PDB file of N, CA and C in Angstrom:
ATOM      1  N   THR A   1     114.247  83.760 100.532  1.00  0.00           N
ATOM      2  CA  THR A   1     113.514  84.886 100.442  1.00  0.00           C
ATOM      3  C   THR A   1     113.394  84.950  98.781  1.00  0.00           C
ATOM      4  N   VAL A   2     112.085  84.978  98.407  1.00  0.00           N
ATOM      5  CA  VAL A   2     111.932  85.399  96.858  1.00  0.00           C
ATOM      6  C   VAL A   2     110.820  86.389  96.809  1.00  0.00           C
ATOM      7  N   THR A   3     111.335  87.434  96.345  1.00  0.00           N
ATOM      8  CA  THR A   3     110.266  88.493  96.143  1.00  0.00           C
ATOM      9  C   THR A   3     109.999  89.167  94.841  1.00  0.00           C
ATOM     10  N   GLY A   4     108.912  89.746  94.461  1.00  0.00           N
ATOM     11  CA  GLY A   4     108.828  90.357  93.205  1.00  0.00           C
ATOM     12  C   GLY A   4     107.513  90.232  92.563  1.00  0.00           C
ATOM     13  N   ALA A   5     107.261  90.704  91.546  1.00  0.00           N
ATOM     14  CA  ALA A   5     105.880  90.380  91.025  1.00  0.00           C
ATOM     15  C   ALA A   5     105.768  89.776  89.618  1.00  0.00           C
ATOM     16  N   ALA A   6     106.917  89.110  89.257  1.00  0.00           N
ATOM     17  CA  ALA A   6     107.052  88.218  88.076  1.00  0.00           C
ATOM     18  C   ALA A   6     106.499  87.068  88.105  1.00  0.00           C
ATOM     19  N   ASP A   7     106.332  86.249  87.215  1.00  0.00           N
ATOM     20  CA  ASP A   7     106.027  84.978  86.805  1.00  0.00           C
ATOM     21  C   ASP A   7     107.221  84.182  86.829  1.00  0.00           C
ATOM     22  N   ILE A   8     107.050  82.957  87.407  1.00  0.00           N
ATOM     23  CA  ILE A   8     108.355  81.875  87.211  1.00  0.00           C
ATOM     24  C   ILE A   8     107.714  80.765  86.142  1.00  0.00           C
ATOM     25  N   THR A   9     108.446  80.311  85.355  1.00  0.00           N
ATOM     26  CA  THR A   9     108.226  79.215  84.566  1.00  0.00           C
ATOM     27  C   THR A   9     109.445  78.426  84.270  1.00  0.00           C
ATOM     28  N   ALA A  10     109.166  76.967  84.585  1.00  0.00           N
ATOM     29  CA  ALA A  10     110.683  76.387  84.578  1.00  0.00           C
ATOM     30  C   ALA A  10     110.379  75.743  83.208  1.00  0.00           C
ATOM     31  N   SER A  11     111.817  75.667  82.521  1.00  0.00           N
ATOM     32  CA  SER A  11     111.717  74.798  81.357  1.00  0.00           C
ATOM     33  C   SER A  11     111.688  73.388  81.723  1.00  0.00           C
ATOM     34  N   SER A  12     111.829  72.851  82.596  1.00  0.00           N
ATOM     35  CA  SER A  12     111.594  71.207  82.974  1.00  0.00           C
ATOM     36  C   SER A  12     111.790  71.271  84.355  1.00  0.00           C
ATOM     37  N   GLY A  13     111.274  70.308  84.992  1.00  0.00           N
ATOM     38  CA  GLY A  13     111.006  70.171  86.604  1.00  0.00           C
ATOM     39  C   GLY A  13     110.292  71.164  87.120  1.00  0.00           C
ATOM     40  N   ASP A  14     110.422  71.245  88.591  1.00  0.00           N
ATOM     41  CA  ASP A  14     109.468  71.998  89.334  1.00  0.00           C
ATOM     42  C   ASP A  14     109.929  73.571  89.022  1.00  0.00           C
ATOM     43  N   GLY A  15     108.804  74.269  89.285  1.00  0.00           N
ATOM     44  CA  GLY A  15     108.966  75.820  89.047  1.00  0.00           C
ATOM     45  C   GLY A  15     109.802  76.327  90.187  1.00  0.00           C
ATOM     46  N   LEU A  16     109.334  75.946  91.422  1.00  0.00           N
ATOM     47  CA  LEU A  16     109.908  76.538  92.582  1.00  0.00           C
ATOM     48  C   LEU A  16     110.068  75.543  93.794  1.00  0.00           C
ATOM     49  N   ASP A  17     111.299  75.410  94.295  1.00  0.00           N
ATOM     50  CA  ASP A  17     111.460  74.150  95.336  1.00  0.00           C
ATOM     51  C   ASP A  17     111.932  75.043  96.632  1.00  0.00           C
ATOM     52  N   PHE A  18     111.466  74.656  97.718  1.00  0.00           N
ATOM     53  CA  PHE A  18     111.881  75.237  98.964  1.00  0.00           C
ATOM     54  C   PHE A  18     112.039  74.194 100.038  1.00  0.00           C
ATOM     55  N   THR A  19     113.085  74.101 100.704  1.00  0.00           N
ATOM     56  CA  THR A  19     113.382  73.124 101.841  1.00  0.00           C
ATOM     57  C   THR A  19     113.806  73.876 103.086  1.00  0.00           C
ATOM     58  N   ALA A  20     112.961  73.760 104.213  1.00  0.00           N
ATOM     59  CA  ALA A  20     113.356  74.319 105.308  1.00  0.00           C
ATOM     60  C   ALA A  20     113.830  73.377 106.128  1.00  0.00           C
ATOM     61  N   SER A  21     115.359  73.597 106.546  1.00  0.00           N
ATOM     62  CA  SER A  21     116.130  72.650 107.614  1.00  0.00           C
ATOM     63  C   SER A  21     117.141  73.286 108.389  1.00  0.00           C
ATOM     64  N   GLY A  22     117.160  72.624 109.482  1.00  0.00           N
ATOM     65  CA  GLY A  22     118.061  73.049 110.367  1.00  0.00           C
ATOM     66  C   GLY A  22     117.327  73.823 111.573  1.00  0.00           C
ATOM     67  N   GLY A  23     115.943  73.923 111.636  1.00  0.00           N
ATOM     68  CA  GLY A  23     115.479  74.901 112.514  1.00  0.00           C
ATOM     69  C   GLY A  23     115.256  73.835 113.796  1.00  0.00           C
ATOM     70  N   THR A  24     114.974  74.764 114.870  1.00  0.00           N
ATOM     71  CA  THR A  24     114.929  74.088 116.251  1.00  0.00           C
ATOM     72  C   THR A  24     113.417  74.336 116.845  1.00  0.00           C
ATOM     73  N   SER A  25     113.307  73.923 117.892  1.00  0.00           N
ATOM     74  CA  SER A  25     111.689  74.520 118.758  1.00  0.00           C
ATOM     75  C   SER A  25     111.983  75.765 118.712  1.00  0.00           C
ATOM     76  N   ILE A  26     112.949  76.278 119.313  1.00  0.00           N
ATOM     77  CA  ILE A  26     113.245  77.820 119.832  1.00  0.00           C
ATOM     78  C   ILE A  26     113.332  78.710 118.690  1.00  0.00           C
ATOM     79  N   LYS A  27     113.798  78.232 117.447  1.00  0.00           N
ATOM     80  CA  LYS A  27     113.994  79.125 116.130  1.00  0.00           C
ATOM     81  C   LYS A  27     113.747  78.155 115.048  1.00  0.00           C
ATOM     82  N   PRO A  28     112.442  77.968 114.764  1.00  0.00           N
ATOM     83  CA  PRO A  28     111.864  76.923 113.643  1.00  0.00           C
ATOM     84  C   PRO A  28     112.337  77.738 112.204  1.00  0.00           C
ATOM     85  N   ALA A  29     112.391  76.769 111.331  1.00  0.00           N
ATOM     86  CA  ALA A  29     112.878  77.086 109.993  1.00  0.00           C
ATOM     87  C   ALA A  29     111.345  76.895 109.340  1.00  0.00           C
ATOM     88  N   ASN A  30     110.901  78.261 109.037  1.00  0.00           N
ATOM     89  CA  ASN A  30     109.309  78.388 108.649  1.00  0.00           C
ATOM     90  C   ASN A  30     109.507  78.725 107.038  1.00  0.00           C
ATOM     91  N   ILE A  31     108.564  78.418 106.432  1.00  0.00           N
ATOM     92  CA  ILE A  31     108.206  78.381 105.041  1.00  0.00           C
ATOM     93  C   ILE A  31     107.028  79.467 104.969  1.00  0.00           C
ATOM     94  N   VAL A  32     106.893  80.736 104.407  1.00  0.00           N
ATOM     95  CA  VAL A  32     105.795  81.365 104.471  1.00  0.00           C
ATOM     96  C   VAL A  32     105.545  81.644 102.927  1.00  0.00           C
ATOM     97  N   LEU A  33     104.536  81.343 102.366  1.00  0.00           N
ATOM     98  CA  LEU A  33     104.368  81.624 100.811  1.00  0.00           C
ATOM     99  C   LEU A  33     103.281  82.511 100.398  1.00  0.00           C
ATOM    100  N   THR A  34     103.404  83.820 100.099  1.00  0.00           N
ATOM    101  CA  THR A  34     102.391  84.816  99.596  1.00  0.00           C
ATOM    102  C   THR A  34     102.634  84.947  98.315  1.00  0.00           C
ATOM    103  N   MET A  35     102.099  84.635  97.156  1.00  0.00           N
ATOM    104  CA  MET A  35     102.388  84.833  95.843  1.00  0.00           C
ATOM    105  C   MET A  35     101.275  85.920  95.271  1.00  0.00           C
ATOM    106  N   THR A  36     101.884  86.539  94.128  1.00  0.00           N
ATOM    107  CA  THR A  36     100.860  87.117  93.446  1.00  0.00           C
ATOM    108  C   THR A  36     101.101  86.996  91.999  1.00  0.00           C
ATOM    109  N   GLY A  37     102.233  86.542  91.659  1.00  0.00           N
ATOM    110  CA  GLY A  37     102.264  86.077  90.031  1.00  0.00           C
ATOM    111  C   GLY A  37     102.145  84.512  89.868  1.00  0.00           C
ATOM    112  N   ASN A  38     102.387  84.017  88.866  1.00  0.00           N
ATOM    113  CA  ASN A  38     101.977  82.525  88.372  1.00  0.00           C
ATOM    114  C   ASN A  38     103.345  81.773  88.488  1.00  0.00           C
ATOM    115  N   ILE A  39     103.176  80.590  88.976  1.00  0.00           N
ATOM    116  CA  ILE A  39     104.393  79.690  88.730  1.00  0.00           C
ATOM    117  C   ILE A  39     103.897  78.333  88.278  1.00  0.00           C
ATOM    118  N   THR A  40     104.664  77.891  87.204  1.00  0.00           N
ATOM    119  CA  THR A  40     104.339  76.769  86.347  1.00  0.00           C
ATOM    120  C   THR A  40     105.521  75.973  86.310  1.00  0.00           C
ATOM    121  N   GLY A  41     105.349  74.577  86.596  1.00  0.00           N
ATOM    122  CA  GLY A  41     106.681  73.714  86.435  1.00  0.00           C
ATOM    123  C   GLY A  41     106.204  72.776  85.291  1.00  0.00           C
ATOM    124  N   LEU A  42     107.097  72.926  84.292  1.00  0.00           N
ATOM    125  CA  LEU A  42     106.780  72.253  83.286  1.00  0.00           C
ATOM    126  C   LEU A  42     107.436  70.578  83.197  1.00  0.00           C
ATOM    127  N   ALA A  43     106.642  69.703  83.319  1.00  0.00           N
ATOM    128  CA  ALA A  43     107.053  68.380  83.499  1.00  0.00           C
ATOM    129  C   ALA A  43     107.493  68.308  85.070  1.00  0.00           C
ATOM    130  N   GLY A  44     106.673  69.077  85.788  1.00  0.00           N
ATOM    131  CA  GLY A  44     106.955  68.902  87.410  1.00  0.00           C
ATOM    132  C   GLY A  44     106.000  69.605  88.111  1.00  0.00           C
ATOM    133  N   ASN A  45     106.145  69.718  89.493  1.00  0.00           N
ATOM    134  CA  ASN A  45     105.211  70.414  90.212  1.00  0.00           C
ATOM    135  C   ASN A  45     105.407  72.033  89.972  1.00  0.00           C
ATOM    136  N   GLY A  46     104.495  72.847  90.382  1.00  0.00           N
ATOM    137  CA  GLY A  46     104.578  74.151  90.243  1.00  0.00           C
ATOM    138  C   GLY A  46     105.449  74.771  91.547  1.00  0.00           C
ATOM    139  N   ILE A  47     105.051  74.416  92.544  1.00  0.00           N
ATOM    140  CA  ILE A  47     105.800  74.531  93.903  1.00  0.00           C
ATOM    141  C   ILE A  47     105.853  73.206  94.639  1.00  0.00           C
ATOM    142  N   THR A  48     107.245  72.993  95.403  1.00  0.00           N
ATOM    143  CA  THR A  48     107.322  71.901  96.022  1.00  0.00           C
ATOM    144  C   THR A  48     107.922  72.556  97.556  1.00  0.00           C
ATOM    145  N   LEU A  49     107.245  72.161  98.740  1.00  0.00           N
ATOM    146  CA  LEU A  49     107.614  73.037  99.657  1.00  0.00           C
ATOM    147  C   LEU A  49     107.923  71.487 100.939  1.00  0.00           C
ATOM    148  N   ARG A  50     108.965  71.796 101.671  1.00  0.00           N
ATOM    149  CA  ARG A  50     109.413  70.831 102.694  1.00  0.00           C
ATOM    150  C   ARG A  50     109.991  71.146 103.738  1.00  0.00           C
ATOM    151  N   ASP A  51     109.719  70.518 104.969  1.00  0.00           N
ATOM    152  CA  ASP A  51     110.623  70.627 106.117  1.00  0.00           C
ATOM    153  C   ASP A  51     111.220  69.403 106.193  1.00  0.00           C
ATOM    154  N   SER A  52     112.576  69.653 106.320  1.00  0.00           N
ATOM    155  CA  SER A  52     113.671  68.493 106.473  1.00  0.00           C
ATOM    156  C   SER A  52     113.120  67.463 107.366  1.00  0.00           C
ATOM    157  N   ALA A  53     113.645  65.963 107.191  1.00  0.00           N
ATOM    158  CA  ALA A  53     113.289  65.100 108.303  1.00  0.00           C
ATOM    159  C   ALA A  53     113.847  65.547 109.654  1.00  0.00           C
ATOM    160  N   THR A  54     115.072  66.247 109.808  1.00  0.00           N
ATOM    161  CA  THR A  54     115.712  66.440 110.993  1.00  0.00           C
ATOM    162  C   THR A  54     115.340  68.153 111.565  1.00  0.00           C
ATOM    163  N   GLY A  55     114.672  68.913 110.556  1.00  0.00           N
ATOM    164  CA  GLY A  55     114.559  70.302 111.058  1.00  0.00           C
ATOM    165  C   GLY A  55     112.984  70.344 111.888  1.00  0.00           C
ATOM    166  N   VAL A  56     112.588  71.528 112.208  1.00  0.00           N
ATOM    167  CA  VAL A  56     111.563  71.841 112.973  1.00  0.00           C
ATOM    168  C   VAL A  56     111.122  73.385 112.043  1.00  0.00           C
ATOM    169  N   GLY A  57     109.860  73.277 111.830  1.00  0.00           N
ATOM    170  CA  GLY A  57     109.397  74.494 111.175  1.00  0.00           C
ATOM    171  C   GLY A  57     107.833  74.099 110.819  1.00  0.00           C
ATOM    172  N   ALA A  58     107.159  75.227 110.061  1.00  0.00           N
ATOM    173  CA  ALA A  58     105.827  75.228 109.551  1.00  0.00           C
ATOM    174  C   ALA A  58     105.725  75.663 108.306  1.00  0.00           C
ATOM    175  N   ILE A  59     104.653  75.161 107.420  1.00  0.00           N
ATOM    176  CA  ILE A  59     104.795  75.590 105.940  1.00  0.00           C
ATOM    177  C   ILE A  59     103.326  76.440 106.119  1.00  0.00           C
ATOM    178  N   THR A  60     103.556  77.775 105.597  1.00  0.00           N
ATOM    179  CA  THR A  60     101.988  78.342 105.537  1.00  0.00           C
ATOM    180  C   THR A  60     101.834  78.974 104.099  1.00  0.00           C
ATOM    181  N   ILE A  61     100.683  78.739 103.371  1.00  0.00           N
ATOM    182  CA  ILE A  61     100.646  79.092 102.047  1.00  0.00           C
ATOM    183  C   ILE A  61      99.267  80.103 102.167  1.00  0.00           C
ATOM    184  N   ASP A  62      99.530  81.401 101.720  1.00  0.00           N
ATOM    185  CA  ASP A  62      98.191  82.212 101.976  1.00  0.00           C
ATOM    186  C   ASP A  62      97.736  82.519 100.462  1.00  0.00           C
ATOM    187  N   ASN A  63      96.666  82.015 100.169  1.00  0.00           N
ATOM    188  CA  ASN A  63      95.626  82.154  98.924  1.00  0.00           C
ATOM    189  C   ASN A  63      96.597  82.363  97.664  1.00  0.00           C
ATOM    190  N   VAL A  64      96.899  81.067  97.344  1.00  0.00           N
ATOM    191  CA  VAL A  64      97.513  80.879  96.001  1.00  0.00           C
ATOM    192  C   VAL A  64      96.890  80.154  94.999  1.00  0.00           C
ATOM    193  N   THR A  65      95.363  79.881  95.197  1.00  0.00           N
ATOM    194  CA  THR A  65      94.289  79.386  94.333  1.00  0.00           C
ATOM    195  C   THR A  65      94.495  79.745  92.823  1.00  0.00           C
ATOM    196  N   GLY A  66      94.784  78.784  92.033  1.00  0.00           N
ATOM    197  CA  GLY A  66      94.978  78.951  90.626  1.00  0.00           C
ATOM    198  C   GLY A  66      96.267  79.774  90.099  1.00  0.00           C
ATOM    199  N   ILE A  67      97.444  79.920  91.062  1.00  0.00           N
ATOM    200  CA  ILE A  67      98.597  80.597  91.039  1.00  0.00           C
ATOM    201  C   ILE A  67      99.901  79.382  90.629  1.00  0.00           C
ATOM    202  N   ALA A  68      99.605  78.612  91.227  1.00  0.00           N
ATOM    203  CA  ALA A  68     100.805  77.511  90.709  1.00  0.00           C
ATOM    204  C   ALA A  68     100.055  76.352  90.157  1.00  0.00           C
ATOM    205  N   THR A  69     100.718  76.093  88.946  1.00  0.00           N
ATOM    206  CA  THR A  69     100.420  74.877  88.020  1.00  0.00           C
ATOM    207  C   THR A  69     101.511  74.075  87.863  1.00  0.00           C
ATOM    208  N   GLY A  70     101.246  72.762  87.763  1.00  0.00           N
ATOM    209  CA  GLY A  70     102.360  71.754  87.744  1.00  0.00           C
ATOM    210  C   GLY A  70     101.702  70.900  86.326  1.00  0.00           C
ATOM    211  N   THR A  71     102.553  70.642  85.820  1.00  0.00           N
ATOM    212  CA  THR A  71     102.341  69.811  84.298  1.00  0.00           C
ATOM    213  C   THR A  71     102.939  68.597  84.113  1.00  0.00           C
ATOM    214  N   GLY A  72     102.408  67.425  83.425  1.00  0.00           N
ATOM    215  CA  GLY A  72     103.024  66.459  83.297  1.00  0.00           C
ATOM    216  C   GLY A  72     102.367  65.026  84.358  1.00  0.00           C
ATOM    217  N   ALA A  73     102.870  64.163  84.414  1.00  0.00           N
ATOM    218  CA  ALA A  73     102.282  62.918  85.109  1.00  0.00           C
ATOM    219  C   ALA A  73     102.467  63.094  86.611  1.00  0.00           C
ATOM    220  N   ASN A  74     101.280  62.938  87.400  1.00  0.00           N
ATOM    221  CA  ASN A  74     101.650  63.031  88.898  1.00  0.00           C
ATOM    222  C   ASN A  74     102.240  64.489  89.280  1.00  0.00           C
ATOM    223  N   SER A  75     101.761  65.252  88.544  1.00  0.00           N
ATOM    224  CA  SER A  75     102.406  66.719  88.951  1.00  0.00           C
ATOM    225  C   SER A  75     101.391  67.371  89.619  1.00  0.00           C
ATOM    226  N   GLU A  76     101.463  68.206  90.550  1.00  0.00           N
ATOM    227  CA  GLU A  76     100.689  69.296  91.530  1.00  0.00           C
ATOM    228  C   GLU A  76     101.149  70.543  91.141  1.00  0.00           C
ATOM    229  N   GLY A  77      99.956  71.229  91.382  1.00  0.00           N
ATOM    230  CA  GLY A  77     100.420  73.000  91.588  1.00  0.00           C
ATOM    231  C   GLY A  77     101.162  73.255  92.871  1.00  0.00           C
ATOM    232  N   ILE A  78     100.831  72.474  93.915  1.00  0.00           N
ATOM    233  CA  ILE A  78     101.721  72.817  95.218  1.00  0.00           C
ATOM    234  C   ILE A  78     101.571  71.394  95.845  1.00  0.00           C
ATOM    235  N   LEU A  79     102.752  71.163  96.123  1.00  0.00           N
ATOM    236  CA  LEU A  79     103.041  69.683  96.809  1.00  0.00           C
ATOM    237  C   LEU A  79     103.611  70.073  98.236  1.00  0.00           C
TER     238      LEU A  79
END
C-alpha cells in the first residue's frame, strides 16, 4: 500500500513497481491504483504492474491519465 499526495520521481529505472503474487481464487492478490500525484520513471516506466505467473488477481487503474510518465527508449507511463 502506498498512500499520500506526494510525487514520485526515480533517479533511474521505473518510478513505481507492483507485483501481486500468491493470490488464490478465494483470496486474490489484487492491485488497485488510484493516484493523485505524478509518477515519473527516468530511463524506465512510470508505473509497472504485474500479476505473477502463479498468482491470481486483478489490476484496476482509476483515472491516472497524464499522471504517470516513462522516459527513455520503449518506456511507458503505465505498463
